[in-house]
PDB file of N, CA and C in Angstrom:
ATOM      1  N   LEU A   1      77.066   4.154 -21.179  1.00  0.00           N
ATOM      2  CA  LEU A   1      77.313   2.946 -20.408  1.00  0.00           C
ATOM      3  C   LEU A   1      76.857   3.062 -19.049  1.00  0.00           C
ATOM      4  N   LEU A   2      76.497   1.931 -18.464  1.00  0.00           N
ATOM      5  CA  LEU A   2      75.994   1.857 -17.121  1.00  0.00           C
ATOM      6  C   LEU A   2      76.841   0.940 -16.337  1.00  0.00           C
ATOM      7  N   SER A   3      77.368   1.391 -15.139  1.00  0.00           N
ATOM      8  CA  SER A   3      78.263   0.586 -14.310  1.00  0.00           C
ATOM      9  C   SER A   3      77.470   0.147 -13.048  1.00  0.00           C
ATOM     10  N   ILE A   4      77.705  -0.980 -12.640  1.00  0.00           N
ATOM     11  CA  ILE A   4      77.244  -1.508 -11.229  1.00  0.00           C
ATOM     12  C   ILE A   4      78.512  -1.538 -10.338  1.00  0.00           C
ATOM     13  N   ASP A   5      78.453  -0.758  -9.223  1.00  0.00           N
ATOM     14  CA  ASP A   5      79.590  -0.633  -8.403  1.00  0.00           C
ATOM     15  C   ASP A   5      79.554  -1.614  -7.231  1.00  0.00           C
ATOM     16  N   ASP A   6      80.749  -1.907  -6.568  1.00  0.00           N
ATOM     17  CA  ASP A   6      80.843  -2.699  -5.374  1.00  0.00           C
ATOM     18  C   ASP A   6      80.197  -4.104  -5.527  1.00  0.00           C
ATOM     19  N   VAL A   7      80.352  -4.760  -6.704  1.00  0.00           N
ATOM     20  CA  VAL A   7      79.684  -6.130  -6.936  1.00  0.00           C
ATOM     21  C   VAL A   7      80.180  -6.999  -5.874  1.00  0.00           C
ATOM     22  N   GLY A   8      79.250  -7.676  -5.176  1.00  0.00           N
ATOM     23  CA  GLY A   8      79.535  -8.599  -4.136  1.00  0.00           C
ATOM     24  C   GLY A   8      79.097  -8.172  -2.757  1.00  0.00           C
ATOM     25  N   THR A   9      78.847  -6.768  -2.638  1.00  0.00           N
ATOM     26  CA  THR A   9      78.465  -6.177  -1.427  1.00  0.00           C
ATOM     27  C   THR A   9      77.201  -5.259  -1.662  1.00  0.00           C
ATOM     28  N   GLY A  10      76.611  -4.927  -0.615  1.00  0.00           N
ATOM     29  CA  GLY A  10      75.573  -3.907  -0.681  1.00  0.00           C
ATOM     30  C   GLY A  10      74.358  -4.285  -1.546  1.00  0.00           C
ATOM     31  N   TYR A  11      73.997  -3.286  -2.397  1.00  0.00           N
ATOM     32  CA  TYR A  11      72.803  -3.522  -3.234  1.00  0.00           C
ATOM     33  C   TYR A  11      73.135  -4.161  -4.560  1.00  0.00           C
ATOM     34  N   SER A  12      74.288  -4.490  -4.866  1.00  0.00           N
ATOM     35  CA  SER A  12      74.678  -5.064  -6.145  1.00  0.00           C
ATOM     36  C   SER A  12      74.516  -6.657  -6.109  1.00  0.00           C
ATOM     37  N   ASN A  13      73.371  -7.091  -5.730  1.00  0.00           N
ATOM     38  CA  ASN A  13      73.098  -8.522  -5.665  1.00  0.00           C
ATOM     39  C   ASN A  13      72.903  -9.123  -7.100  1.00  0.00           C
ATOM     40  N   LEU A  14      72.786 -10.519  -7.100  1.00  0.00           N
ATOM     41  CA  LEU A  14      72.613 -11.150  -8.398  1.00  0.00           C
ATOM     42  C   LEU A  14      71.388 -10.803  -9.110  1.00  0.00           C
ATOM     43  N   LEU A  15      70.287 -10.577  -8.362  1.00  0.00           N
ATOM     44  CA  LEU A  15      69.030 -10.133  -9.038  1.00  0.00           C
ATOM     45  C   LEU A  15      69.216  -8.817  -9.806  1.00  0.00           C
ATOM     46  N   THR A  16      69.835  -7.965  -9.094  1.00  0.00           N
ATOM     47  CA  THR A  16      70.050  -6.624  -9.703  1.00  0.00           C
ATOM     48  C   THR A  16      70.898  -6.776 -11.071  1.00  0.00           C
ATOM     49  N   ILE A  17      71.967  -7.553 -10.907  1.00  0.00           N
ATOM     50  CA  ILE A  17      72.911  -7.725 -12.034  1.00  0.00           C
ATOM     51  C   ILE A  17      72.142  -8.410 -13.198  1.00  0.00           C
ATOM     52  N   GLN A  18      71.212  -9.326 -12.939  1.00  0.00           N
ATOM     53  CA  GLN A  18      70.459  -9.965 -13.984  1.00  0.00           C
ATOM     54  C   GLN A  18      69.373  -9.060 -14.591  1.00  0.00           C
ATOM     55  N   GLU A  19      68.711  -8.249 -13.765  1.00  0.00           N
ATOM     56  CA  GLU A  19      67.592  -7.546 -14.275  1.00  0.00           C
ATOM     57  C   GLU A  19      67.936  -6.103 -14.909  1.00  0.00           C
ATOM     58  N   LEU A  20      68.975  -5.520 -14.460  1.00  0.00           N
ATOM     59  CA  LEU A  20      69.336  -4.134 -15.029  1.00  0.00           C
ATOM     60  C   LEU A  20      70.362  -4.259 -16.098  1.00  0.00           C
ATOM     61  N   PRO A  21      70.286  -3.413 -17.108  1.00  0.00           N
ATOM     62  CA  PRO A  21      71.222  -3.442 -18.300  1.00  0.00           C
ATOM     63  C   PRO A  21      72.483  -2.916 -18.142  1.00  0.00           C
ATOM     64  N   PHE A  22      73.353  -3.556 -17.244  1.00  0.00           N
ATOM     65  CA  PHE A  22      74.690  -2.994 -16.919  1.00  0.00           C
ATOM     66  C   PHE A  22      75.685  -3.349 -18.052  1.00  0.00           C
ATOM     67  N   ASP A  23      76.727  -2.426 -18.256  1.00  0.00           N
ATOM     68  CA  ASP A  23      77.786  -2.674 -19.249  1.00  0.00           C
ATOM     69  C   ASP A  23      79.057  -3.001 -18.470  1.00  0.00           C
ATOM     70  N   ILE A  24      79.211  -2.477 -17.238  1.00  0.00           N
ATOM     71  CA  ILE A  24      80.439  -2.532 -16.501  1.00  0.00           C
ATOM     72  C   ILE A  24      80.201  -3.011 -15.116  1.00  0.00           C
ATOM     73  N   MET A  25      80.930  -3.925 -14.709  1.00  0.00           N
ATOM     74  CA  MET A  25      80.851  -4.624 -13.393  1.00  0.00           C
ATOM     75  C   MET A  25      82.121  -4.265 -12.633  1.00  0.00           C
ATOM     76  N   LYS A  26      82.015  -3.559 -11.456  1.00  0.00           N
ATOM     77  CA  LYS A  26      83.153  -3.216 -10.653  1.00  0.00           C
ATOM     78  C   LYS A  26      83.184  -4.150  -9.514  1.00  0.00           C
ATOM     79  N   ILE A  27      84.191  -4.991  -9.381  1.00  0.00           N
ATOM     80  CA  ILE A  27      84.264  -5.889  -8.249  1.00  0.00           C
ATOM     81  C   ILE A  27      84.810  -5.213  -7.011  1.00  0.00           C
ATOM     82  N   ASP A  28      84.168  -5.335  -5.878  1.00  0.00           N
ATOM     83  CA  ASP A  28      84.495  -4.692  -4.731  1.00  0.00           C
ATOM     84  C   ASP A  28      85.908  -5.135  -4.190  1.00  0.00           C
ATOM     85  N   LYS A  29      86.643  -4.270  -3.583  1.00  0.00           N
ATOM     86  CA  LYS A  29      87.990  -4.552  -3.080  1.00  0.00           C
ATOM     87  C   LYS A  29      88.029  -5.653  -1.957  1.00  0.00           C
ATOM     88  N   TYR A  30      86.968  -5.936  -1.435  1.00  0.00           N
ATOM     89  CA  TYR A  30      86.973  -6.968  -0.375  1.00  0.00           C
ATOM     90  C   TYR A  30      87.246  -8.329  -0.926  1.00  0.00           C
ATOM     91  N   PHE A  31      87.091  -8.509  -2.246  1.00  0.00           N
ATOM     92  CA  PHE A  31      87.371  -9.794  -2.879  1.00  0.00           C
ATOM     93  C   PHE A  31      88.768  -9.800  -3.502  1.00  0.00           C
ATOM     94  N   ILE A  32      89.578  -8.699  -3.396  1.00  0.00           N
ATOM     95  CA  ILE A  32      90.804  -8.513  -3.999  1.00  0.00           C
ATOM     96  C   ILE A  32      91.878  -8.252  -2.926  1.00  0.00           C
ATOM     97  N   SER A  33      91.637  -7.380  -2.023  1.00  0.00           N
ATOM     98  CA  SER A  33      92.689  -6.895  -1.133  1.00  0.00           C
ATOM     99  C   SER A  33      93.020  -7.930  -0.119  1.00  0.00           C
ATOM    100  N   ASP A  34      94.446  -8.027   0.013  1.00  0.00           N
ATOM    101  CA  ASP A  34      94.943  -9.004   0.971  1.00  0.00           C
ATOM    102  C   ASP A  34      94.600  -8.741   2.396  1.00  0.00           C
ATOM    103  N   LYS A  35      93.976  -7.479   2.671  1.00  0.00           N
ATOM    104  CA  LYS A  35      93.508  -7.211   4.044  1.00  0.00           C
ATOM    105  C   LYS A  35      92.304  -7.961   4.513  1.00  0.00           C
ATOM    106  N   PHE A  36      91.590  -8.459   3.636  1.00  0.00           N
ATOM    107  CA  PHE A  36      90.256  -9.143   3.978  1.00  0.00           C
ATOM    108  C   PHE A  36      90.285 -10.566   3.788  1.00  0.00           C
ATOM    109  N   ALA A  37      89.738 -11.328   4.700  1.00  0.00           N
ATOM    110  CA  ALA A  37      89.702 -12.823   4.644  1.00  0.00           C
ATOM    111  C   ALA A  37      89.001 -13.227   3.365  1.00  0.00           C
ATOM    112  N   VAL A  38      87.922 -12.514   2.925  1.00  0.00           N
ATOM    113  CA  VAL A  38      87.276 -12.986   1.795  1.00  0.00           C
ATOM    114  C   VAL A  38      88.096 -13.042   0.487  1.00  0.00           C
ATOM    115  N   SER A  39      89.145 -12.255   0.453  1.00  0.00           N
ATOM    116  CA  SER A  39      89.970 -12.283  -0.640  1.00  0.00           C
ATOM    117  C   SER A  39      90.669 -13.597  -0.823  1.00  0.00           C
ATOM    118  N   LYS A  40      90.720 -14.357   0.196  1.00  0.00           N
ATOM    119  CA  LYS A  40      91.378 -15.748   0.188  1.00  0.00           C
ATOM    120  C   LYS A  40      90.449 -16.850  -0.443  1.00  0.00           C
ATOM    121  N   SER A  41      89.219 -16.437  -0.613  1.00  0.00           N
ATOM    122  CA  SER A  41      88.269 -17.410  -1.179  1.00  0.00           C
ATOM    123  C   SER A  41      88.383 -17.389  -2.679  1.00  0.00           C
ATOM    124  N   ASN A  42      87.581 -18.124  -3.414  1.00  0.00           N
ATOM    125  CA  ASN A  42      87.571 -18.161  -4.872  1.00  0.00           C
ATOM    126  C   ASN A  42      86.515 -17.200  -5.457  1.00  0.00           C
ATOM    127  N   MET A  43      85.961 -16.296  -4.651  1.00  0.00           N
ATOM    128  CA  MET A  43      84.956 -15.421  -5.134  1.00  0.00           C
ATOM    129  C   MET A  43      85.382 -14.517  -6.230  1.00  0.00           C
ATOM    130  N   LEU A  44      86.672 -14.044  -6.216  1.00  0.00           N
ATOM    131  CA  LEU A  44      87.099 -13.130  -7.268  1.00  0.00           C
ATOM    132  C   LEU A  44      87.027 -13.792  -8.566  1.00  0.00           C
ATOM    133  N   GLU A  45      87.546 -15.121  -8.701  1.00  0.00           N
ATOM    134  CA  GLU A  45      87.413 -15.831  -9.912  1.00  0.00           C
ATOM    135  C   GLU A  45      85.949 -16.042 -10.369  1.00  0.00           C
ATOM    136  N   THR A  46      85.041 -16.329  -9.374  1.00  0.00           N
ATOM    137  CA  THR A  46      83.661 -16.556  -9.667  1.00  0.00           C
ATOM    138  C   THR A  46      83.031 -15.347 -10.206  1.00  0.00           C
ATOM    139  N   LEU A  47      83.315 -14.186  -9.529  1.00  0.00           N
ATOM    140  CA  LEU A  47      82.795 -12.916 -10.070  1.00  0.00           C
ATOM    141  C   LEU A  47      83.257 -12.535 -11.425  1.00  0.00           C
ATOM    142  N   ALA A  48      84.587 -12.744 -11.663  1.00  0.00           N
ATOM    143  CA  ALA A  48      85.100 -12.547 -12.969  1.00  0.00           C
ATOM    144  C   ALA A  48      84.489 -13.416 -13.988  1.00  0.00           C
ATOM    145  N   THR A  49      84.288 -14.648 -13.728  1.00  0.00           N
ATOM    146  CA  THR A  49      83.611 -15.570 -14.667  1.00  0.00           C
ATOM    147  C   THR A  49      82.205 -15.168 -14.935  1.00  0.00           C
ATOM    148  N   LEU A  50      81.508 -14.744 -13.861  1.00  0.00           N
ATOM    149  CA  LEU A  50      80.173 -14.141 -14.062  1.00  0.00           C
ATOM    150  C   LEU A  50      80.089 -13.023 -14.973  1.00  0.00           C
ATOM    151  N   GLY A  51      80.956 -12.047 -14.760  1.00  0.00           N
ATOM    152  CA  GLY A  51      81.076 -10.822 -15.622  1.00  0.00           C
ATOM    153  C   GLY A  51      81.360 -11.115 -17.062  1.00  0.00           C
ATOM    154  N   ASN A  52      82.284 -12.014 -17.267  1.00  0.00           N
ATOM    155  CA  ASN A  52      82.659 -12.425 -18.612  1.00  0.00           C
ATOM    156  C   ASN A  52      81.505 -13.127 -19.268  1.00  0.00           C
ATOM    157  N   SER A  53      80.768 -13.998 -18.538  1.00  0.00           N
ATOM    158  CA  SER A  53      79.699 -14.766 -19.170  1.00  0.00           C
ATOM    159  C   SER A  53      78.585 -13.747 -19.499  1.00  0.00           C
ATOM    160  N   LEU A  54      78.468 -12.671 -18.832  1.00  0.00           N
ATOM    161  CA  LEU A  54      77.406 -11.684 -19.115  1.00  0.00           C
ATOM    162  C   LEU A  54      77.915 -10.576 -20.170  1.00  0.00           C
ATOM    163  N   ASN A  55      79.131 -10.779 -20.652  1.00  0.00           N
ATOM    164  CA  ASN A  55      79.790  -9.856 -21.640  1.00  0.00           C
ATOM    165  C   ASN A  55      79.910  -8.485 -21.044  1.00  0.00           C
ATOM    166  N   LEU A  56      80.288  -8.358 -19.806  1.00  0.00           N
ATOM    167  CA  LEU A  56      80.453  -7.073 -19.147  1.00  0.00           C
ATOM    168  C   LEU A  56      81.903  -6.676 -19.137  1.00  0.00           C
ATOM    169  N   THR A  57      82.204  -5.371 -19.191  1.00  0.00           N
ATOM    170  CA  THR A  57      83.621  -4.953 -18.792  1.00  0.00           C
ATOM    171  C   THR A  57      83.831  -5.061 -17.390  1.00  0.00           C
ATOM    172  N   ILE A  58      84.951  -5.634 -16.887  1.00  0.00           N
ATOM    173  CA  ILE A  58      85.146  -5.915 -15.490  1.00  0.00           C
ATOM    174  C   ILE A  58      86.163  -4.982 -15.022  1.00  0.00           C
ATOM    175  N   VAL A  59      85.891  -4.337 -13.873  1.00  0.00           N
ATOM    176  CA  VAL A  59      86.836  -3.367 -13.174  1.00  0.00           C
ATOM    177  C   VAL A  59      87.174  -3.976 -11.767  1.00  0.00           C
ATOM    178  N   ALA A  60      88.444  -4.056 -11.391  1.00  0.00           N
ATOM    179  CA  ALA A  60      88.835  -4.499 -10.077  1.00  0.00           C
ATOM    180  C   ALA A  60      89.085  -3.298  -9.334  1.00  0.00           C
ATOM    181  N   GLU A  61      88.339  -3.103  -8.212  1.00  0.00           N
ATOM    182  CA  GLU A  61      88.612  -1.829  -7.375  1.00  0.00           C
ATOM    183  C   GLU A  61      89.572  -2.122  -6.203  1.00  0.00           C
ATOM    184  N   GLY A  62      90.248  -0.996  -5.818  1.00  0.00           N
ATOM    185  CA  GLY A  62      91.007  -1.027  -4.516  1.00  0.00           C
ATOM    186  C   GLY A  62      92.296  -1.739  -4.662  1.00  0.00           C
ATOM    187  N   ILE A  63      92.960  -1.716  -5.899  1.00  0.00           N
ATOM    188  CA  ILE A  63      94.279  -2.310  -6.069  1.00  0.00           C
ATOM    189  C   ILE A  63      95.296  -1.368  -5.393  1.00  0.00           C
ATOM    190  N   GLU A  64      95.888  -1.924  -4.306  1.00  0.00           N
ATOM    191  CA  GLU A  64      96.876  -1.094  -3.571  1.00  0.00           C
ATOM    192  C   GLU A  64      98.330  -1.634  -3.511  1.00  0.00           C
ATOM    193  N   THR A  65      98.533  -2.873  -3.927  1.00  0.00           N
ATOM    194  CA  THR A  65      99.805  -3.537  -3.952  1.00  0.00           C
ATOM    195  C   THR A  65     100.123  -4.265  -5.243  1.00  0.00           C
ATOM    196  N   GLU A  66     101.318  -4.555  -5.473  1.00  0.00           N
ATOM    197  CA  GLU A  66     101.776  -5.354  -6.692  1.00  0.00           C
ATOM    198  C   GLU A  66     101.160  -6.787  -6.545  1.00  0.00           C
ATOM    199  N   SER A  67     101.158  -7.267  -5.356  1.00  0.00           N
ATOM    200  CA  SER A  67     100.506  -8.587  -5.094  1.00  0.00           C
ATOM    201  C   SER A  67      99.070  -8.631  -5.576  1.00  0.00           C
ATOM    202  N   GLU A  68      98.299  -7.617  -5.241  1.00  0.00           N
ATOM    203  CA  GLU A  68      96.941  -7.602  -5.588  1.00  0.00           C
ATOM    204  C   GLU A  68      96.764  -7.394  -7.191  1.00  0.00           C
ATOM    205  N   LEU A  69      97.744  -6.680  -7.737  1.00  0.00           N
ATOM    206  CA  LEU A  69      97.637  -6.531  -9.192  1.00  0.00           C
ATOM    207  C   LEU A  69      97.944  -7.828  -9.844  1.00  0.00           C
ATOM    208  N   ASN A  70      98.923  -8.526  -9.335  1.00  0.00           N
ATOM    209  CA  ASN A  70      99.254  -9.952  -9.932  1.00  0.00           C
ATOM    210  C   ASN A  70      98.111 -10.929  -9.743  1.00  0.00           C
ATOM    211  N   LYS A  71      97.295 -10.788  -8.662  1.00  0.00           N
ATOM    212  CA  LYS A  71      96.198 -11.645  -8.433  1.00  0.00           C
ATOM    213  C   LYS A  71      95.161 -11.449  -9.482  1.00  0.00           C
ATOM    214  N   ILE A  72      94.825 -10.170  -9.823  1.00  0.00           N
ATOM    215  CA  ILE A  72      93.762 -10.012 -10.818  1.00  0.00           C
ATOM    216  C   ILE A  72      94.208 -10.336 -12.324  1.00  0.00           C
ATOM    217  N   LYS A  73      95.514 -10.409 -12.439  1.00  0.00           N
ATOM    218  CA  LYS A  73      96.063 -10.738 -13.812  1.00  0.00           C
ATOM    219  C   LYS A  73      95.738 -12.194 -14.065  1.00  0.00           C
ATOM    220  N   LYS A  74      95.444 -13.046 -13.152  1.00  0.00           N
ATOM    221  CA  LYS A  74      95.128 -14.421 -13.361  1.00  0.00           C
ATOM    222  C   LYS A  74      93.744 -14.585 -14.009  1.00  0.00           C
ATOM    223  N   PHE A  75      92.948 -13.573 -13.924  1.00  0.00           N
ATOM    224  CA  PHE A  75      91.552 -13.642 -14.475  1.00  0.00           C
ATOM    225  C   PHE A  75      91.386 -12.762 -15.606  1.00  0.00           C
ATOM    226  N   ASN A  76      90.288 -12.786 -16.258  1.00  0.00           N
ATOM    227  CA  ASN A  76      90.017 -11.994 -17.453  1.00  0.00           C
ATOM    228  C   ASN A  76      89.339 -10.655 -16.928  1.00  0.00           C
ATOM    229  N   ILE A  77      90.036  -9.901 -16.225  1.00  0.00           N
ATOM    230  CA  ILE A  77      89.656  -8.655 -15.610  1.00  0.00           C
ATOM    231  C   ILE A  77      90.230  -7.560 -16.509  1.00  0.00           C
ATOM    232  N   HIS A  78      89.337  -6.653 -17.090  1.00  0.00           N
ATOM    233  CA  HIS A  78      89.758  -5.647 -18.066  1.00  0.00           C
ATOM    234  C   HIS A  78      90.438  -4.452 -17.546  1.00  0.00           C
ATOM    235  N   LEU A  79      90.008  -3.878 -16.471  1.00  0.00           N
ATOM    236  CA  LEU A  79      90.531  -2.683 -15.914  1.00  0.00           C
ATOM    237  C   LEU A  79      90.717  -2.828 -14.421  1.00  0.00           C
ATOM    238  N   CYS A  80      91.599  -1.913 -13.902  1.00  0.00           N
ATOM    239  CA  CYS A  80      91.625  -1.888 -12.366  1.00  0.00           C
ATOM    240  C   CYS A  80      91.875  -0.431 -11.968  1.00  0.00           C
ATOM    241  N   GLN A  81      91.601  -0.251 -10.697  1.00  0.00           N
ATOM    242  CA  GLN A  81      91.799   1.171 -10.098  1.00  0.00           C
ATOM    243  C   GLN A  81      92.256   0.977  -8.643  1.00  0.00           C
ATOM    244  N   GLY A  82      92.897   1.944  -8.217  1.00  0.00           N
ATOM    245  CA  GLY A  82      93.346   1.911  -6.772  1.00  0.00           C
ATOM    246  C   GLY A  82      94.591   2.724  -6.512  1.00  0.00           C
ATOM    247  N   PHE A  83      94.953   2.810  -5.164  1.00  0.00           N
ATOM    248  CA  PHE A  83      96.085   3.602  -4.774  1.00  0.00           C
ATOM    249  C   PHE A  83      97.375   3.128  -5.295  1.00  0.00           C
ATOM    250  N   TYR A  84      97.414   1.862  -5.839  1.00  0.00           N
ATOM    251  CA  TYR A  84      98.711   1.419  -6.401  1.00  0.00           C
ATOM    252  C   TYR A  84      99.024   2.256  -7.668  1.00  0.00           C
ATOM    253  N   PHE A  85      98.050   2.776  -8.285  1.00  0.00           N
ATOM    254  CA  PHE A  85      98.224   3.557  -9.538  1.00  0.00           C
ATOM    255  C   PHE A  85      98.314   5.025  -9.192  1.00  0.00           C
ATOM    256  N   SER A  86      97.426   5.458  -8.300  1.00  0.00           N
ATOM    257  CA  SER A  86      97.431   6.951  -7.977  1.00  0.00           C
ATOM    258  C   SER A  86      96.424   7.164  -6.736  1.00  0.00           C
ATOM    259  N   THR A  87      96.878   8.061  -5.956  1.00  0.00           N
ATOM    260  CA  THR A  87      95.991   8.519  -4.915  1.00  0.00           C
ATOM    261  C   THR A  87      95.083   9.519  -5.527  1.00  0.00           C
ATOM    262  N   PRO A  88      94.001   9.831  -4.821  1.00  0.00           N
ATOM    263  CA  PRO A  88      93.046  10.848  -5.455  1.00  0.00           C
ATOM    264  C   PRO A  88      93.785  12.166  -5.743  1.00  0.00           C
ATOM    265  N   CYS A  89      93.512  12.765  -6.870  1.00  0.00           N
ATOM    266  CA  CYS A  89      94.211  13.916  -7.334  1.00  0.00           C
ATOM    267  C   CYS A  89      93.390  14.681  -8.370  1.00  0.00           C
ATOM    268  N   ASP A  90      93.815  15.917  -8.780  1.00  0.00           N
ATOM    269  CA  ASP A  90      93.086  16.613  -9.748  1.00  0.00           C
ATOM    270  C   ASP A  90      93.664  16.147 -11.086  1.00  0.00           C
ATOM    271  N   SER A  91      92.980  16.510 -12.234  1.00  0.00           N
ATOM    272  CA  SER A  91      93.382  16.056 -13.523  1.00  0.00           C
ATOM    273  C   SER A  91      94.748  16.427 -14.011  1.00  0.00           C
ATOM    274  N   LYS A  92      95.185  17.610 -13.568  1.00  0.00           N
ATOM    275  CA  LYS A  92      96.440  18.083 -13.985  1.00  0.00           C
ATOM    276  C   LYS A  92      97.565  17.174 -13.381  1.00  0.00           C
ATOM    277  N   THR A  93      97.420  16.935 -12.103  1.00  0.00           N
ATOM    278  CA  THR A  93      98.416  16.034 -11.374  1.00  0.00           C
ATOM    279  C   THR A  93      98.420  14.645 -11.972  1.00  0.00           C
ATOM    280  N   PHE A  94      97.155  14.103 -12.287  1.00  0.00           N
ATOM    281  CA  PHE A  94      97.135  12.780 -12.873  1.00  0.00           C
ATOM    282  C   PHE A  94      97.732  12.727 -14.274  1.00  0.00           C
ATOM    283  N   ILE A  95      97.582  13.737 -15.082  1.00  0.00           N
ATOM    284  CA  ILE A  95      98.248  13.695 -16.402  1.00  0.00           C
ATOM    285  C   ILE A  95      99.708  13.779 -16.202  1.00  0.00           C
ATOM    286  N   SER A  96     100.197  14.517 -15.287  1.00  0.00           N
ATOM    287  CA  SER A  96     101.650  14.537 -14.976  1.00  0.00           C
ATOM    288  C   SER A  96     102.234  13.206 -14.611  1.00  0.00           C
ATOM    289  N   ARG A  97     101.432  12.591 -13.690  1.00  0.00           N
ATOM    290  CA  ARG A  97     101.841  11.207 -13.178  1.00  0.00           C
ATOM    291  C   ARG A  97     101.867  10.224 -14.413  1.00  0.00           C
ATOM    292  N   THR A  98     100.900  10.221 -15.230  1.00  0.00           N
ATOM    293  CA  THR A  98     100.955   9.288 -16.365  1.00  0.00           C
ATOM    294  C   THR A  98     102.093   9.490 -17.311  1.00  0.00           C
ATOM    295  N   LYS A  99     102.581  10.725 -17.304  1.00  0.00           N
ATOM    296  CA  LYS A  99     103.856  11.015 -18.222  1.00  0.00           C
ATOM    297  C   LYS A  99     105.058  10.556 -17.556  1.00  0.00           C
ATOM    298  N   SER A 100     105.131  10.680 -16.206  1.00  0.00           N
ATOM    299  CA  SER A 100     106.347  10.405 -15.492  1.00  0.00           C
ATOM    300  C   SER A 100     106.471   8.909 -15.163  1.00  0.00           C
ATOM    301  N   GLU A 101     105.255   8.170 -15.038  1.00  0.00           N
ATOM    302  CA  GLU A 101     105.290   6.702 -14.871  1.00  0.00           C
ATOM    303  C   GLU A 101     104.342   6.023 -15.806  1.00  0.00           C
ATOM    304  N   PRO A 102     104.662   6.039 -17.064  1.00  0.00           N
ATOM    305  CA  PRO A 102     103.716   5.397 -18.037  1.00  0.00           C
ATOM    306  C   PRO A 102     103.561   3.930 -17.842  1.00  0.00           C
ATOM    307  N   HIS A 103     104.530   3.222 -17.210  1.00  0.00           N
ATOM    308  CA  HIS A 103     104.366   1.754 -17.069  1.00  0.00           C
ATOM    309  C   HIS A 103     103.215   1.407 -16.149  1.00  0.00           C
ATOM    310  N   LEU A 104     102.739   2.329 -15.253  1.00  0.00           N
ATOM    311  CA  LEU A 104     101.680   2.008 -14.362  1.00  0.00           C
ATOM    312  C   LEU A 104     100.307   2.163 -15.044  1.00  0.00           C
ATOM    313  N   TYR A 105     100.254   2.796 -16.259  1.00  0.00           N
ATOM    314  CA  TYR A 105      99.042   3.046 -16.852  1.00  0.00           C
ATOM    315  C   TYR A 105      98.770   2.359 -18.164  1.00  0.00           C
ATOM    316  N   GLN A 106      99.488   1.222 -18.326  1.00  0.00           N
ATOM    317  CA  GLN A 106      99.310   0.392 -19.593  1.00  0.00           C
ATOM    318  C   GLN A 106      98.328  -0.660 -19.336  1.00  0.00           C
TER     319      GLN A 106
END
């Protein structure tokens, strides 16, 4: 599988998305996080619609709060990642966290 990271910023422009054979589209946190003005626009919905129309798996990056998690639940976004679920850690710590807080990883 091939993933395109930080969709909506940097090198992940629409031409790149159209021309390269991506399977996974990761939406940048700027379109999700309550910290950024762009998150108040409808770009998250637009990007999710684009990803779904291209039959891509969609990942929301940078989920830090329950509010942000609830925001992405409104759209057909398949996966999410961010500090809301876990800070960076080694695999042993992560496995321990998933056992102690399974509701976060469903």
